[in-house]
Amino acid sequence: MMAFQGDYTPKQAAEQLNVGLTTIYALLNSGELTSYKVGTRRRIRWESVEAMRKGEPWEPGSCNAHKGGEAA
């Protein structure tokens, strides 16, 4: 799967949400943020970061920006 240019690395997501990497991984493990892997590298969906930043719930598949992509 090719990374969508607007998706974030864990470090970038942490910067966007003003939290640490430990918090990002906890949010990923809880399913509050959605991600996928490109090789061994993780990418976090921009939609889930934006929703969290705005305090809105986000469900995988609720946006058509990543047609054909899978949430991990």
C-alpha atoms as a PDB file:
ATOM      1  CA  MET A   1       0.000   0.000   0.000  1.00  0.00           C
ATOM      2  CA  MET A   2       1.320   3.407  -0.880  1.00  0.00           C
ATOM      3  CA  ALA A   3       1.251   6.085   1.837  1.00  0.00           C
ATOM      4  CA  PHE A   4      -1.253   8.851   1.268  1.00  0.00           C
ATOM      5  CA  GLN A   5       0.755  12.079   1.286  1.00  0.00           C
ATOM      6  CA  GLY A   6      -1.460  13.639   3.956  1.00  0.00           C
ATOM      7  CA  ASP A   7      -1.107  10.764   6.439  1.00  0.00           C
ATOM      8  CA  TYR A   8       1.164  11.181   9.448  1.00  0.00           C
ATOM      9  CA  THR A   9       4.066   9.351  10.989  1.00  0.00           C
ATOM     10  CA  PRO A  10       3.599   8.715  14.718  1.00  0.00           C
ATOM     11  CA  LYS A  11       5.969  11.618  15.452  1.00  0.00           C
ATOM     12  CA  GLN A  12       4.014  13.993  13.183  1.00  0.00           C
ATOM     13  CA  ALA A  13       0.711  12.902  14.749  1.00  0.00           C
ATOM     14  CA  ALA A  14       2.165  13.555  18.212  1.00  0.00           C
ATOM     15  CA  GLU A  15       3.159  17.055  17.109  1.00  0.00           C
ATOM     16  CA  GLN A  16      -0.290  17.721  15.635  1.00  0.00           C
ATOM     17  CA  LEU A  17      -2.045  16.581  18.817  1.00  0.00           C
ATOM     18  CA  ASN A  18       0.546  18.082  21.182  1.00  0.00           C
ATOM     19  CA  VAL A  19       1.127  14.757  22.957  1.00  0.00           C
ATOM     20  CA  GLY A  20       4.043  12.350  23.337  1.00  0.00           C
ATOM     21  CA  LEU A  21       4.769   9.242  21.289  1.00  0.00           C
ATOM     22  CA  THR A  22       3.718   7.008  24.192  1.00  0.00           C
ATOM     23  CA  THR A  23       0.254   8.604  24.058  1.00  0.00           C
ATOM     24  CA  ILE A  24       0.084   8.126  20.276  1.00  0.00           C
ATOM     25  CA  TYR A  25       0.863   4.409  20.609  1.00  0.00           C
ATOM     26  CA  ALA A  26      -1.708   4.090  23.410  1.00  0.00           C
ATOM     27  CA  LEU A  27      -4.322   5.754  21.167  1.00  0.00           C
ATOM     28  CA  LEU A  28      -3.383   3.390  18.328  1.00  0.00           C
ATOM     29  CA  ASN A  29      -3.640   0.343  20.614  1.00  0.00           C
ATOM     30  CA  SER A  30      -7.045   1.469  21.897  1.00  0.00           C
ATOM     31  CA  GLY A  31      -8.327   2.055  18.356  1.00  0.00           C
ATOM     32  CA  GLU A  32      -8.909   5.783  18.895  1.00  0.00           C
ATOM     33  CA  LEU A  33      -6.430   6.500  16.091  1.00  0.00           C
ATOM     34  CA  THR A  34      -6.275   4.364  12.979  1.00  0.00           C
ATOM     35  CA  SER A  35      -3.143   3.437  11.101  1.00  0.00           C
ATOM     36  CA  TYR A  36      -1.666   1.159   8.496  1.00  0.00           C
ATOM     37  CA  LYS A  37       1.823  -0.043   7.700  1.00  0.00           C
ATOM     38  CA  VAL A  38       4.005   0.704   4.723  1.00  0.00           C
ATOM     39  CA  GLY A  39       6.641  -1.990   4.984  1.00  0.00           C
ATOM     40  CA  THR A  40       7.683  -1.764   8.628  1.00  0.00           C
ATOM     41  CA  ARG A  41       6.706   1.889   9.025  1.00  0.00           C
ATOM     42  CA  ARG A  42       3.399   2.972  10.515  1.00  0.00           C
ATOM     43  CA  ARG A  43       1.252   5.752   9.035  1.00  0.00           C
ATOM     44  CA  ILE A  44      -1.645   7.300  10.908  1.00  0.00           C
ATOM     45  CA  ARG A  45      -4.693   8.346   8.940  1.00  0.00           C
ATOM     46  CA  TRP A  46      -5.021  12.109   8.726  1.00  0.00           C
ATOM     47  CA  GLU A  47      -8.784  11.830   9.170  1.00  0.00           C
ATOM     48  CA  SER A  48      -8.435  10.216  12.584  1.00  0.00           C
ATOM     49  CA  VAL A  49      -5.849  12.811  13.710  1.00  0.00           C
ATOM     50  CA  GLU A  50      -8.096  15.665  12.546  1.00  0.00           C
ATOM     51  CA  ALA A  51     -11.139  14.172  14.262  1.00  0.00           C
ATOM     52  CA  MET A  52      -9.227  13.747  17.514  1.00  0.00           C
ATOM     53  CA  ARG A  53      -7.845  17.282  17.245  1.00  0.00           C
ATOM     54  CA  LYS A  54     -11.400  18.590  16.870  1.00  0.00           C
ATOM     55  CA  GLY A  55     -12.729  16.275  19.599  1.00  0.00           C
ATOM     56  CA  GLU A  56     -14.974  14.395  17.170  1.00  0.00           C
ATOM     57  CA  PRO A  57     -15.382  10.629  16.933  1.00  0.00           C
ATOM     58  CA  TRP A  58     -14.010   9.069  13.755  1.00  0.00           C
ATOM     59  CA  GLU A  59     -14.837   5.662  12.361  1.00  0.00           C
ATOM     60  CA  PRO A  60     -12.724   3.930   9.701  1.00  0.00           C
ATOM     61  CA  GLY A  61     -14.465   4.088   6.354  1.00  0.00           C
ATOM     62  CA  SER A  62     -16.345   7.281   7.203  1.00  0.00           C
ATOM     63  CA  CYS A  63     -14.289   9.262   4.680  1.00  0.00           C
ATOM     64  CA  ASN A  64     -13.717   8.367   1.038  1.00  0.00           C
ATOM     65  CA  ALA A  65     -10.271   9.996   0.880  1.00  0.00           C
ATOM     66  CA  HIS A  66      -8.557   6.583   0.998  1.00  0.00           C
ATOM     67  CA  LYS A  67     -10.580   4.477  -1.391  1.00  0.00           C
ATOM     68  CA  GLY A  68      -9.302   0.940  -1.312  1.00  0.00           C
ATOM     69  CA  GLY A  69      -7.244   1.476   1.850  1.00  0.00           C
ATOM     70  CA  GLU A  70      -7.521  -0.615   4.967  1.00  0.00           C
ATOM     71  CA  ALA A  71      -7.495   0.536   8.564  1.00  0.00           C
ATOM     72  CA  ALA A  72      -5.009  -1.418  10.655  1.00  0.00           C
END
